[in-house]
Amino acid sequence: MRAIVLTGAGGPEVLVEQERPIPEPGLGQVRVRVRASALNRADIMQRLGSYPAPPGAPTDIPGLEYAGEVDAVGRAAALWPVGSRVMGIVGGGAHAEYLCVHEREVLPMPRDVPFDEAAAIPEVFLTAYDALFKQLDVRLGERVLVHAVGSGVGTATLQLARIAGATVFGTSRTAWKLERARELGLVHAIDTSSAEWVTHVEQIAGANGVHALVDLVGGDHLRDNLRLLAPRGRLVVVGLTAGSRTEIDLGVALRKRLKVVGTALRSRPLEEKIALAREFSQRVVPLFESGQLRPVIEQVLPFEEIRAAHETMTANTTFGKLVLRW
């Protein structure tokens, strides 16, 4: 099979296409013929050598999500017949023509959704669903702030929060991304290139601030996040593109009785991933079939252009997902 392989840590030049043996499904696994995948920030970090694959995942084949067809089933696997159209997330290995995954981690592709679109769903929408409803317990009528709202996870979080009846504040340093986000239901667009952006949020949200905050940026935003949260507000840190270190006043967290959590899907135990996949299949996949949710795709590229895809994502000029297909 063809696979995108990391020959070392470094720039896009370390990505090469190689022939690898087709894997065989083990006990309780299915093999998927991958038709499309997508690029994520974690793939960039892995290429740079700062985010290795978790135990059990391929160490040199990146890729965290896939859409394709079940090609073979292992012993005791009975949920997905050969030919089933499926999608899902993995710890690595999705940037190859075939991969093997536990059958209970697999998600059904929404009806009438093509492979290119389905490949843009699992990583960002599972992450957003987990952040909003499993970590933050967002409820009807709450105010939710989403940093980097124009990113893949940002656009997914925006859509899910809107469907849940939340009023969404979204941030970006790029005006055109905020305008695009308005088309997805963003109510309050916050340009963080302005030094007064925190004050702007406070003026709109009022004295009580926002109830929940999804931080896809990290770094010094944490200090401002605590300031903006309402008493007993909740914050989940999902991404660290602005860095993993900062200084904060813990007194703010104490006075407001804030909840601050971090989350990552890639390193979770199999049992947790299965539980999330089953819940997502029942509650969220039907929303794609009804048209209430849709993946936001910036561009679809052949895997032969994987280096260009990495360069594009690193430049931060995209709105939504970069999809790759064989």
C-alpha atoms as a PDB file:
ATOM      1  CA  MET A   1       0.000   0.000   0.000  1.00  0.00           C
ATOM      2  CA  ARG A   2       1.010   3.619  -0.390  1.00  0.00           C
ATOM      3  CA  ALA A   3       1.709   5.529   2.791  1.00  0.00           C
ATOM      4  CA  ILE A   4       2.989   8.945   3.793  1.00  0.00           C
ATOM      5  CA  VAL A   5       6.057   8.346   5.957  1.00  0.00           C
ATOM      6  CA  LEU A   6       8.038  10.591   8.285  1.00  0.00           C
ATOM      7  CA  THR A   7      11.725  10.035   7.605  1.00  0.00           C
ATOM      8  CA  GLY A   8      12.721  12.168  10.586  1.00  0.00           C
ATOM      9  CA  ALA A   9      11.832  15.376  12.392  1.00  0.00           C
ATOM     10  CA  GLY A  10      11.910  18.623  10.446  1.00  0.00           C
ATOM     11  CA  GLY A  11      10.210  20.542   7.670  1.00  0.00           C
ATOM     12  CA  PRO A  12       7.806  19.231   5.028  1.00  0.00           C
ATOM     13  CA  GLU A  13      10.753  17.676   3.187  1.00  0.00           C
ATOM     14  CA  VAL A  14      10.794  14.795   5.724  1.00  0.00           C
ATOM     15  CA  LEU A  15       7.433  13.615   4.339  1.00  0.00           C
ATOM     16  CA  VAL A  16       7.803  10.969   1.624  1.00  0.00           C
ATOM     17  CA  GLU A  17       5.494   8.458  -0.030  1.00  0.00           C
ATOM     18  CA  GLN A  18       6.569   4.838   0.415  1.00  0.00           C
ATOM     19  CA  GLU A  19       5.214   1.343  -0.182  1.00  0.00           C
ATOM     20  CA  ARG A  20       4.335  -0.508   3.020  1.00  0.00           C
ATOM     21  CA  PRO A  21       2.764  -3.938   3.675  1.00  0.00           C
ATOM     22  CA  ILE A  22      -1.008  -3.967   3.939  1.00  0.00           C
ATOM     23  CA  PRO A  23      -1.862  -4.559   7.628  1.00  0.00           C
ATOM     24  CA  GLU A  24      -3.978  -7.506   8.767  1.00  0.00           C
ATOM     25  CA  PRO A  25      -6.879  -6.915  11.190  1.00  0.00           C
ATOM     26  CA  GLY A  26      -6.491  -8.484  14.618  1.00  0.00           C
ATOM     27  CA  LEU A  27      -9.020  -9.668  17.166  1.00  0.00           C
ATOM     28  CA  GLY A  28     -12.051  -7.372  17.132  1.00  0.00           C
ATOM     29  CA  GLN A  29     -10.577  -5.150  14.430  1.00  0.00           C
ATOM     30  CA  VAL A  30     -11.622  -4.160  10.926  1.00  0.00           C
ATOM     31  CA  ARG A  31      -9.391  -3.071   8.081  1.00  0.00           C
ATOM     32  CA  VAL A  32     -10.430   0.100   6.286  1.00  0.00           C
ATOM     33  CA  ARG A  33      -9.546   1.017   2.731  1.00  0.00           C
ATOM     34  CA  VAL A  34      -8.893   4.714   3.271  1.00  0.00           C
ATOM     35  CA  ARG A  35     -10.312   6.941   0.565  1.00  0.00           C
ATOM     36  CA  ALA A  36      -9.643  10.288   2.243  1.00  0.00           C
ATOM     37  CA  SER A  37      -8.080  11.702   5.375  1.00  0.00           C
ATOM     38  CA  ALA A  38      -7.432  15.199   6.692  1.00  0.00           C
ATOM     39  CA  LEU A  39      -4.560  17.198   8.090  1.00  0.00           C
ATOM     40  CA  ASN A  40      -4.508  18.297  11.737  1.00  0.00           C
ATOM     41  CA  ARG A  41      -2.232  20.427  13.910  1.00  0.00           C
ATOM     42  CA  ALA A  42      -1.109  17.258  15.650  1.00  0.00           C
ATOM     43  CA  ASP A  43       0.354  16.047  12.332  1.00  0.00           C
ATOM     44  CA  ILE A  44       2.407  19.230  12.094  1.00  0.00           C
ATOM     45  CA  MET A  45       3.633  18.802  15.662  1.00  0.00           C
ATOM     46  CA  GLN A  46       4.505  15.151  15.052  1.00  0.00           C
ATOM     47  CA  ARG A  47       6.469  16.092  11.951  1.00  0.00           C
ATOM     48  CA  LEU A  48       8.425  18.619  14.007  1.00  0.00           C
ATOM     49  CA  GLY A  49       9.211  15.955  16.585  1.00  0.00           C
ATOM     50  CA  SER A  50       7.212  17.482  19.454  1.00  0.00           C
ATOM     51  CA  TYR A  51       4.170  15.170  19.518  1.00  0.00           C
ATOM     52  CA  PRO A  52       5.033  11.474  19.129  1.00  0.00           C
ATOM     53  CA  ALA A  53       2.389   8.881  18.365  1.00  0.00           C
ATOM     54  CA  PRO A  54       0.857   7.109  21.381  1.00  0.00           C
ATOM     55  CA  PRO A  55       1.737   3.464  22.150  1.00  0.00           C
ATOM     56  CA  GLY A  56       0.217   1.070  19.644  1.00  0.00           C
ATOM     57  CA  ALA A  57      -0.008   3.588  16.795  1.00  0.00           C
ATOM     58  CA  PRO A  58       2.429   3.692  13.865  1.00  0.00           C
ATOM     59  CA  THR A  59       5.369   5.881  14.809  1.00  0.00           C
ATOM     60  CA  ASP A  60       6.256   7.048  11.302  1.00  0.00           C
ATOM     61  CA  ILE A  61       2.905   7.195   9.465  1.00  0.00           C
ATOM     62  CA  PRO A  62       0.911  10.275  10.540  1.00  0.00           C
ATOM     63  CA  GLY A  63      -2.800  10.894  10.152  1.00  0.00           C
ATOM     64  CA  LEU A  64      -5.501  10.993  12.829  1.00  0.00           C
ATOM     65  CA  GLU A  65      -8.748  10.567  10.886  1.00  0.00           C
ATOM     66  CA  TYR A  66     -10.087   8.663   7.915  1.00  0.00           C
ATOM     67  CA  ALA A  67     -13.073   7.938   5.729  1.00  0.00           C
ATOM     68  CA  GLY A  68     -13.316   4.799   3.644  1.00  0.00           C
ATOM     69  CA  GLU A  69     -14.760   1.311   3.285  1.00  0.00           C
ATOM     70  CA  VAL A  70     -14.360  -1.782   5.436  1.00  0.00           C
ATOM     71  CA  ASP A  71     -12.082  -4.067   3.446  1.00  0.00           C
ATOM     72  CA  ALA A  72     -11.629  -7.024   5.815  1.00  0.00           C
ATOM     73  CA  VAL A  73     -12.682  -8.083   9.326  1.00  0.00           C
ATOM     74  CA  GLY A  74     -10.673  -9.803  12.038  1.00  0.00           C
ATOM     75  CA  ARG A  75     -11.714 -12.577  14.414  1.00  0.00           C
ATOM     76  CA  ALA A  76     -14.778 -11.798  16.541  1.00  0.00           C
ATOM     77  CA  ALA A  77     -15.484  -8.566  14.639  1.00  0.00           C
ATOM     78  CA  ALA A  78     -19.149  -8.474  13.673  1.00  0.00           C
ATOM     79  CA  LEU A  79     -20.344  -4.855  13.654  1.00  0.00           C
ATOM     80  CA  TRP A  80     -19.225  -3.771  10.183  1.00  0.00           C
ATOM     81  CA  PRO A  81     -19.656  -6.006   7.117  1.00  0.00           C
ATOM     82  CA  VAL A  82     -17.168  -5.710   4.286  1.00  0.00           C
ATOM     83  CA  GLY A  83     -18.154  -2.728   2.162  1.00  0.00           C
ATOM     84  CA  SER A  84     -19.485  -0.613   5.037  1.00  0.00           C
ATOM     85  CA  ARG A  85     -18.810   3.107   4.590  1.00  0.00           C
ATOM     86  CA  VAL A  86     -17.080   4.257   7.760  1.00  0.00           C
ATOM     87  CA  MET A  87     -15.016   7.036   9.311  1.00  0.00           C
ATOM     88  CA  GLY A  88     -13.191   7.613  12.565  1.00  0.00           C
ATOM     89  CA  ILE A  89     -10.118   8.709  14.459  1.00  0.00           C
ATOM     90  CA  VAL A  90      -6.911   6.818  15.207  1.00  0.00           C
ATOM     91  CA  GLY A  91      -3.692   7.519  17.097  1.00  0.00           C
ATOM     92  CA  GLY A  92      -1.811   7.556  13.790  1.00  0.00           C
ATOM     93  CA  GLY A  93      -1.561   5.765  10.466  1.00  0.00           C
ATOM     94  CA  ALA A  94      -4.487   7.355   8.629  1.00  0.00           C
ATOM     95  CA  HIS A  95      -2.247   8.801   5.912  1.00  0.00           C
ATOM     96  CA  ALA A  96      -2.018   5.388   4.280  1.00  0.00           C
ATOM     97  CA  GLU A  97      -4.257   3.443   1.905  1.00  0.00           C
ATOM     98  CA  TYR A  98      -5.190   0.903   4.594  1.00  0.00           C
ATOM     99  CA  LEU A  99      -5.425   0.890   8.368  1.00  0.00           C
ATOM    100  CA  CYS A 100      -6.749  -1.414  11.084  1.00  0.00           C
ATOM    101  CA  VAL A 101      -8.902  -0.184  13.963  1.00  0.00           C
ATOM    102  CA  HIS A 102     -11.043  -1.669  16.733  1.00  0.00           C
ATOM    103  CA  GLU A 103     -14.546  -2.121  15.365  1.00  0.00           C
ATOM    104  CA  ARG A 104     -16.173  -0.239  18.269  1.00  0.00           C
ATOM    105  CA  GLU A 105     -14.128   2.889  17.582  1.00  0.00           C
ATOM    106  CA  VAL A 106     -15.508   3.072  14.058  1.00  0.00           C
ATOM    107  CA  LEU A 107     -18.177   5.638  13.159  1.00  0.00           C
ATOM    108  CA  PRO A 108     -20.769   5.262  10.399  1.00  0.00           C
ATOM    109  CA  MET A 109     -20.412   7.735   7.567  1.00  0.00           C
ATOM    110  CA  PRO A 110     -23.486   9.970   7.313  1.00  0.00           C
ATOM    111  CA  ARG A 111     -25.783   9.024   4.463  1.00  0.00           C
ATOM    112  CA  ASP A 112     -25.191  10.860   1.180  1.00  0.00           C
ATOM    113  CA  VAL A 113     -21.945  12.444   2.447  1.00  0.00           C
ATOM    114  CA  PRO A 114     -18.955  11.819   0.128  1.00  0.00           C
ATOM    115  CA  PHE A 115     -15.623  10.527   1.386  1.00  0.00           C
ATOM    116  CA  ASP A 116     -13.903  13.919   1.088  1.00  0.00           C
ATOM    117  CA  GLU A 117     -16.443  15.535   3.405  1.00  0.00           C
ATOM    118  CA  ALA A 118     -16.618  12.605   5.811  1.00  0.00           C
ATOM    119  CA  ALA A 119     -12.838  12.725   6.264  1.00  0.00           C
ATOM    120  CA  ALA A 120     -13.201  16.257   7.657  1.00  0.00           C
ATOM    121  CA  ILE A 121     -15.656  15.227  10.379  1.00  0.00           C
ATOM    122  CA  PRO A 122     -14.173  12.848  12.986  1.00  0.00           C
ATOM    123  CA  GLU A 123     -11.239  14.646  14.587  1.00  0.00           C
ATOM    124  CA  VAL A 124     -12.713  18.135  14.853  1.00  0.00           C
ATOM    125  CA  PHE A 125     -16.306  17.232  15.670  1.00  0.00           C
ATOM    126  CA  LEU A 126     -15.397  14.540  18.194  1.00  0.00           C
ATOM    127  CA  THR A 127     -12.998  16.997  19.842  1.00  0.00           C
ATOM    128  CA  ALA A 128     -15.613  19.759  19.851  1.00  0.00           C
ATOM    129  CA  TYR A 129     -18.382  17.489  21.130  1.00  0.00           C
ATOM    130  CA  ASP A 130     -16.192  16.184  23.942  1.00  0.00           C
ATOM    131  CA  ALA A 131     -15.028  19.695  24.891  1.00  0.00           C
ATOM    132  CA  LEU A 132     -18.479  21.285  24.927  1.00  0.00           C
ATOM    133  CA  PHE A 133     -20.636  18.574  26.418  1.00  0.00           C
ATOM    134  CA  LYS A 134     -18.387  16.075  28.233  1.00  0.00           C
ATOM    135  CA  GLN A 135     -15.876  18.540  29.699  1.00  0.00           C
ATOM    136  CA  LEU A 136     -17.859  21.801  29.965  1.00  0.00           C
ATOM    137  CA  ASP A 137     -21.468  20.571  30.155  1.00  0.00           C
ATOM    138  CA  VAL A 138     -22.661  23.497  28.033  1.00  0.00           C
ATOM    139  CA  ARG A 139     -26.376  24.199  28.379  1.00  0.00           C
ATOM    140  CA  LEU A 140     -29.147  26.043  26.600  1.00  0.00           C
ATOM    141  CA  GLY A 141     -28.836  29.822  26.829  1.00  0.00           C
ATOM    142  CA  GLU A 142     -25.246  29.966  28.010  1.00  0.00           C
ATOM    143  CA  ARG A 143     -22.588  32.248  26.582  1.00  0.00           C
ATOM    144  CA  VAL A 144     -19.664  30.331  25.058  1.00  0.00           C
ATOM    145  CA  LEU A 145     -16.383  31.843  23.847  1.00  0.00           C
ATOM    146  CA  VAL A 146     -14.357  29.911  21.248  1.00  0.00           C
ATOM    147  CA  HIS A 147     -10.781  30.946  20.525  1.00  0.00           C
ATOM    148  CA  ALA A 148      -9.507  30.398  16.939  1.00  0.00           C
ATOM    149  CA  VAL A 149     -13.069  30.047  15.699  1.00  0.00           C
ATOM    150  CA  GLY A 150     -11.906  29.805  12.068  1.00  0.00           C
ATOM    151  CA  SER A 151      -9.904  26.620  12.649  1.00  0.00           C
ATOM    152  CA  GLY A 152     -11.240  23.114  12.016  1.00  0.00           C
ATOM    153  CA  VAL A 153     -12.097  22.493  15.669  1.00  0.00           C
ATOM    154  CA  GLY A 154     -13.284  26.097  15.971  1.00  0.00           C
ATOM    155  CA  THR A 155     -15.842  25.804  13.172  1.00  0.00           C
ATOM    156  CA  ALA A 156     -17.064  22.477  14.592  1.00  0.00           C
ATOM    157  CA  THR A 157     -17.363  23.927  18.112  1.00  0.00           C
ATOM    158  CA  LEU A 158     -19.259  26.930  16.783  1.00  0.00           C
ATOM    159  CA  GLN A 159     -21.817  24.763  14.992  1.00  0.00           C
ATOM    160  CA  LEU A 160     -22.376  22.383  17.911  1.00  0.00           C
ATOM    161  CA  ALA A 161     -22.687  25.209  20.444  1.00  0.00           C
ATOM    162  CA  ARG A 162     -25.198  26.994  18.227  1.00  0.00           C
ATOM    163  CA  ILE A 163     -27.332  23.854  17.886  1.00  0.00           C
ATOM    164  CA  ALA A 164     -27.242  23.465  21.682  1.00  0.00           C
ATOM    165  CA  GLY A 165     -28.778  26.918  22.050  1.00  0.00           C
ATOM    166  CA  ALA A 166     -25.670  28.745  23.251  1.00  0.00           C
ATOM    167  CA  THR A 167     -24.726  32.293  22.274  1.00  0.00           C
ATOM    168  CA  VAL A 168     -21.296  32.016  20.680  1.00  0.00           C
ATOM    169  CA  PHE A 169     -18.440  34.509  20.904  1.00  0.00           C
ATOM    170  CA  GLY A 170     -15.614  33.648  18.500  1.00  0.00           C
ATOM    171  CA  THR A 171     -12.109  35.056  18.241  1.00  0.00           C
ATOM    172  CA  SER A 172      -9.594  35.346  15.436  1.00  0.00           C
ATOM    173  CA  ARG A 173      -6.809  37.696  14.429  1.00  0.00           C
ATOM    174  CA  THR A 174      -8.113  37.687  10.855  1.00  0.00           C
ATOM    175  CA  ALA A 175     -11.173  39.738   9.898  1.00  0.00           C
ATOM    176  CA  TRP A 176     -12.199  37.607   6.915  1.00  0.00           C
ATOM    177  CA  LYS A 177     -12.227  34.469   9.063  1.00  0.00           C
ATOM    178  CA  LEU A 178     -14.634  36.139  11.457  1.00  0.00           C
ATOM    179  CA  GLU A 179     -16.900  37.083   8.566  1.00  0.00           C
ATOM    180  CA  ARG A 180     -16.878  33.479   7.336  1.00  0.00           C
ATOM    181  CA  ALA A 181     -17.701  32.328  10.863  1.00  0.00           C
ATOM    182  CA  ARG A 182     -20.745  34.598  10.942  1.00  0.00           C
ATOM    183  CA  GLU A 183     -22.152  32.526   8.079  1.00  0.00           C
ATOM    184  CA  LEU A 184     -22.002  29.490  10.391  1.00  0.00           C
ATOM    185  CA  GLY A 185     -23.934  31.233  13.151  1.00  0.00           C
ATOM    186  CA  LEU A 186     -21.312  33.220  15.035  1.00  0.00           C
ATOM    187  CA  VAL A 187     -23.116  35.924  17.023  1.00  0.00           C
ATOM    188  CA  HIS A 188     -20.223  37.976  18.402  1.00  0.00           C
ATOM    189  CA  ALA A 189     -17.025  38.234  16.312  1.00  0.00           C
ATOM    190  CA  ILE A 190     -13.983  39.289  18.358  1.00  0.00           C
ATOM    191  CA  ASP A 191     -10.821  40.460  16.601  1.00  0.00           C
ATOM    192  CA  THR A 192      -7.918  39.605  18.925  1.00  0.00           C
ATOM    193  CA  SER A 193      -5.490  41.703  16.875  1.00  0.00           C
ATOM    194  CA  SER A 194      -6.995  44.640  18.779  1.00  0.00           C
ATOM    195  CA  ALA A 195      -5.439  45.378  22.156  1.00  0.00           C
ATOM    196  CA  GLU A 196      -8.928  46.070  23.503  1.00  0.00           C
ATOM    197  CA  TRP A 197     -10.466  42.722  22.605  1.00  0.00           C
ATOM    198  CA  VAL A 198     -10.928  41.610  26.229  1.00  0.00           C
ATOM    199  CA  THR A 199     -12.724  44.828  27.103  1.00  0.00           C
ATOM    200  CA  HIS A 200     -14.885  44.367  24.005  1.00  0.00           C
ATOM    201  CA  VAL A 201     -16.003  40.925  25.189  1.00  0.00           C
ATOM    202  CA  GLU A 202     -16.741  42.282  28.670  1.00  0.00           C
ATOM    203  CA  GLN A 203     -18.879  45.061  27.213  1.00  0.00           C
ATOM    204  CA  ILE A 204     -20.956  42.588  25.213  1.00  0.00           C
ATOM    205  CA  ALA A 205     -21.200  39.788  27.793  1.00  0.00           C
ATOM    206  CA  GLY A 206     -21.938  42.084  30.709  1.00  0.00           C
ATOM    207  CA  ALA A 207     -20.750  41.847  34.274  1.00  0.00           C
ATOM    208  CA  ASN A 208     -21.150  38.083  34.469  1.00  0.00           C
ATOM    209  CA  GLY A 209     -18.863  37.298  31.507  1.00  0.00           C
ATOM    210  CA  VAL A 210     -19.085  34.018  29.593  1.00  0.00           C
ATOM    211  CA  HIS A 211     -20.193  30.752  31.135  1.00  0.00           C
ATOM    212  CA  ALA A 212     -17.871  28.459  29.166  1.00  0.00           C
ATOM    213  CA  LEU A 213     -14.714  28.912  27.120  1.00  0.00           C
ATOM    214  CA  VAL A 214     -13.023  26.606  24.603  1.00  0.00           C
ATOM    215  CA  ASP A 215      -9.361  27.580  24.227  1.00  0.00           C
ATOM    216  CA  LEU A 216      -7.670  26.246  21.089  1.00  0.00           C
ATOM    217  CA  VAL A 217      -4.696  28.604  21.464  1.00  0.00           C
ATOM    218  CA  GLY A 218      -3.189  28.418  24.964  1.00  0.00           C
ATOM    219  CA  GLY A 219      -0.262  30.618  25.952  1.00  0.00           C
ATOM    220  CA  ASP A 220      -1.023  34.019  27.458  1.00  0.00           C
ATOM    221  CA  HIS A 221      -4.698  33.740  26.559  1.00  0.00           C
ATOM    222  CA  LEU A 222      -5.178  31.848  29.827  1.00  0.00           C
ATOM    223  CA  ARG A 223      -4.843  35.004  31.902  1.00  0.00           C
ATOM    224  CA  ASP A 224      -7.516  36.780  29.867  1.00  0.00           C
ATOM    225  CA  ASN A 225      -9.709  33.677  29.841  1.00  0.00           C
ATOM    226  CA  LEU A 226      -9.954  33.662  33.624  1.00  0.00           C
ATOM    227  CA  ARG A 227     -10.837  37.338  33.584  1.00  0.00           C
ATOM    228  CA  LEU A 228     -13.661  36.765  31.105  1.00  0.00           C
ATOM    229  CA  LEU A 229     -15.253  33.762  32.789  1.00  0.00           C
ATOM    230  CA  ALA A 230     -18.395  34.177  34.847  1.00  0.00           C
ATOM    231  CA  PRO A 231     -18.450  33.035  38.484  1.00  0.00           C
ATOM    232  CA  ARG A 232     -18.315  29.223  38.448  1.00  0.00           C
ATOM    233  CA  GLY A 233     -17.375  29.424  34.777  1.00  0.00           C
ATOM    234  CA  ARG A 234     -15.691  26.527  32.979  1.00  0.00           C
ATOM    235  CA  LEU A 235     -12.643  26.514  30.730  1.00  0.00           C
ATOM    236  CA  VAL A 236     -11.255  23.683  28.629  1.00  0.00           C
ATOM    237  CA  VAL A 237      -7.797  23.912  27.041  1.00  0.00           C
ATOM    238  CA  VAL A 238      -7.720  21.984  23.768  1.00  0.00           C
ATOM    239  CA  GLY A 239      -4.796  23.487  21.816  1.00  0.00           C
ATOM    240  CA  LEU A 240      -1.477  25.159  22.529  1.00  0.00           C
ATOM    241  CA  THR A 241      -0.541  26.883  19.280  1.00  0.00           C
ATOM    242  CA  ALA A 242       0.457  30.005  21.252  1.00  0.00           C
ATOM    243  CA  GLY A 243       2.582  28.040  23.709  1.00  0.00           C
ATOM    244  CA  SER A 244       2.226  25.877  26.797  1.00  0.00           C
ATOM    245  CA  ARG A 245       3.486  28.314  29.461  1.00  0.00           C
ATOM    246  CA  THR A 246       2.104  31.504  30.953  1.00  0.00           C
ATOM    247  CA  GLU A 247       1.606  33.302  34.269  1.00  0.00           C
ATOM    248  CA  ILE A 248      -1.821  33.669  35.857  1.00  0.00           C
ATOM    249  CA  ASP A 249      -3.361  35.041  39.027  1.00  0.00           C
ATOM    250  CA  LEU A 250      -4.735  31.968  40.797  1.00  0.00           C
ATOM    251  CA  GLY A 251      -6.677  34.298  43.058  1.00  0.00           C
ATOM    252  CA  VAL A 252      -9.091  34.903  40.178  1.00  0.00           C
ATOM    253  CA  ALA A 253      -9.759  31.170  39.909  1.00  0.00           C
ATOM    254  CA  LEU A 254     -10.382  30.954  43.645  1.00  0.00           C
ATOM    255  CA  ARG A 255     -12.655  33.977  43.916  1.00  0.00           C
ATOM    256  CA  LYS A 256     -14.781  32.949  40.950  1.00  0.00           C
ATOM    257  CA  ARG A 257     -14.651  29.201  41.785  1.00  0.00           C
ATOM    258  CA  LEU A 258     -13.600  28.412  38.235  1.00  0.00           C
ATOM    259  CA  LYS A 259     -13.154  25.001  36.644  1.00  0.00           C
ATOM    260  CA  VAL A 260     -10.128  24.635  34.334  1.00  0.00           C
ATOM    261  CA  VAL A 261      -9.529  21.331  32.524  1.00  0.00           C
ATOM    262  CA  GLY A 262      -7.283  20.085  29.756  1.00  0.00           C
ATOM    263  CA  THR A 263      -8.256  17.493  27.188  1.00  0.00           C
ATOM    264  CA  ALA A 264      -6.738  15.358  24.432  1.00  0.00           C
ATOM    265  CA  LEU A 265      -8.330  12.512  22.494  1.00  0.00           C
ATOM    266  CA  ARG A 266      -5.234  10.942  20.989  1.00  0.00           C
ATOM    267  CA  SER A 267      -3.746   9.536  24.191  1.00  0.00           C
ATOM    268  CA  ARG A 268      -6.954   8.294  25.808  1.00  0.00           C
ATOM    269  CA  PRO A 269      -7.485   4.614  26.669  1.00  0.00           C
ATOM    270  CA  LEU A 270      -9.380   2.492  24.153  1.00  0.00           C
ATOM    271  CA  GLU A 271     -12.377   2.178  26.473  1.00  0.00           C
ATOM    272  CA  GLU A 272     -12.856   5.961  26.635  1.00  0.00           C
ATOM    273  CA  LYS A 273     -12.531   6.320  22.872  1.00  0.00           C
ATOM    274  CA  ILE A 274     -15.121   3.599  22.315  1.00  0.00           C
ATOM    275  CA  ALA A 275     -17.604   5.232  24.703  1.00  0.00           C
ATOM    276  CA  LEU A 276     -17.204   8.607  22.980  1.00  0.00           C
ATOM    277  CA  ALA A 277     -17.519   7.060  19.507  1.00  0.00           C
ATOM    278  CA  ARG A 278     -20.743   5.254  20.382  1.00  0.00           C
ATOM    279  CA  GLU A 279     -22.318   8.379  21.895  1.00  0.00           C
ATOM    280  CA  PHE A 280     -21.216  10.522  18.946  1.00  0.00           C
ATOM    281  CA  SER A 281     -22.674   7.983  16.485  1.00  0.00           C
ATOM    282  CA  GLN A 282     -26.085   8.207  18.127  1.00  0.00           C
ATOM    283  CA  ARG A 283     -26.281  11.926  18.874  1.00  0.00           C
ATOM    284  CA  VAL A 284     -24.206  13.763  16.269  1.00  0.00           C
ATOM    285  CA  VAL A 285     -23.939  11.723  13.057  1.00  0.00           C
ATOM    286  CA  PRO A 286     -27.707  12.134  12.364  1.00  0.00           C
ATOM    287  CA  LEU A 287     -27.232  15.916  12.427  1.00  0.00           C
ATOM    288  CA  PHE A 288     -24.998  15.653   9.353  1.00  0.00           C
ATOM    289  CA  GLU A 289     -27.632  13.579   7.599  1.00  0.00           C
ATOM    290  CA  SER A 290     -30.303  16.203   8.324  1.00  0.00           C
ATOM    291  CA  GLY A 291     -28.049  19.056   7.175  1.00  0.00           C
ATOM    292  CA  GLN A 292     -27.883  20.749  10.584  1.00  0.00           C
ATOM    293  CA  LEU A 293     -24.119  20.226  10.707  1.00  0.00           C
ATOM    294  CA  ARG A 294     -21.546  20.292   7.947  1.00  0.00           C
ATOM    295  CA  PRO A 295     -17.776  19.997   7.831  1.00  0.00           C
ATOM    296  CA  VAL A 296     -16.027  23.169   6.724  1.00  0.00           C
ATOM    297  CA  ILE A 297     -13.381  22.411   4.108  1.00  0.00           C
ATOM    298  CA  GLU A 298     -10.826  24.858   2.810  1.00  0.00           C
ATOM    299  CA  GLN A 299      -9.286  22.613   0.157  1.00  0.00           C
ATOM    300  CA  VAL A 300      -9.094  19.003  -1.035  1.00  0.00           C
ATOM    301  CA  LEU A 301      -5.666  17.859  -2.238  1.00  0.00           C
ATOM    302  CA  PRO A 302      -4.201  14.586  -3.506  1.00  0.00           C
ATOM    303  CA  PHE A 303      -1.815  12.892  -1.086  1.00  0.00           C
ATOM    304  CA  GLU A 304       0.966  13.590  -3.570  1.00  0.00           C
ATOM    305  CA  GLU A 305       0.725  17.207  -2.379  1.00  0.00           C
ATOM    306  CA  ILE A 306       1.135  16.404   1.319  1.00  0.00           C
ATOM    307  CA  ARG A 307       4.100  18.757   1.679  1.00  0.00           C
ATOM    308  CA  ALA A 308       2.125  21.643   0.227  1.00  0.00           C
ATOM    309  CA  ALA A 309      -0.731  20.854   2.611  1.00  0.00           C
ATOM    310  CA  HIS A 310       1.644  21.079   5.589  1.00  0.00           C
ATOM    311  CA  GLU A 311       2.987  24.401   4.349  1.00  0.00           C
ATOM    312  CA  THR A 312      -0.532  25.775   3.896  1.00  0.00           C
ATOM    313  CA  MET A 313      -1.622  24.792   7.386  1.00  0.00           C
ATOM    314  CA  THR A 314       1.536  26.224   8.928  1.00  0.00           C
ATOM    315  CA  ALA A 315       0.853  29.549   7.193  1.00  0.00           C
ATOM    316  CA  ASN A 316      -2.497  29.852   9.040  1.00  0.00           C
ATOM    317  CA  THR A 317      -4.309  31.037   5.922  1.00  0.00           C
ATOM    318  CA  THR A 318      -7.087  28.438   5.968  1.00  0.00           C
ATOM    319  CA  PHE A 319     -10.681  28.474   7.185  1.00  0.00           C
ATOM    320  CA  GLY A 320     -11.700  24.975   8.166  1.00  0.00           C
ATOM    321  CA  LYS A 321     -10.086  21.718   7.089  1.00  0.00           C
ATOM    322  CA  LEU A 322      -7.482  20.556   4.585  1.00  0.00           C
ATOM    323  CA  VAL A 323      -8.536  17.164   3.195  1.00  0.00           C
ATOM    324  CA  LEU A 324      -6.239  14.678   1.456  1.00  0.00           C
ATOM    325  CA  ARG A 325      -7.361  11.863  -0.811  1.00  0.00           C
ATOM    326  CA  TRP A 326      -5.861   8.917  -2.637  1.00  0.00           C
END
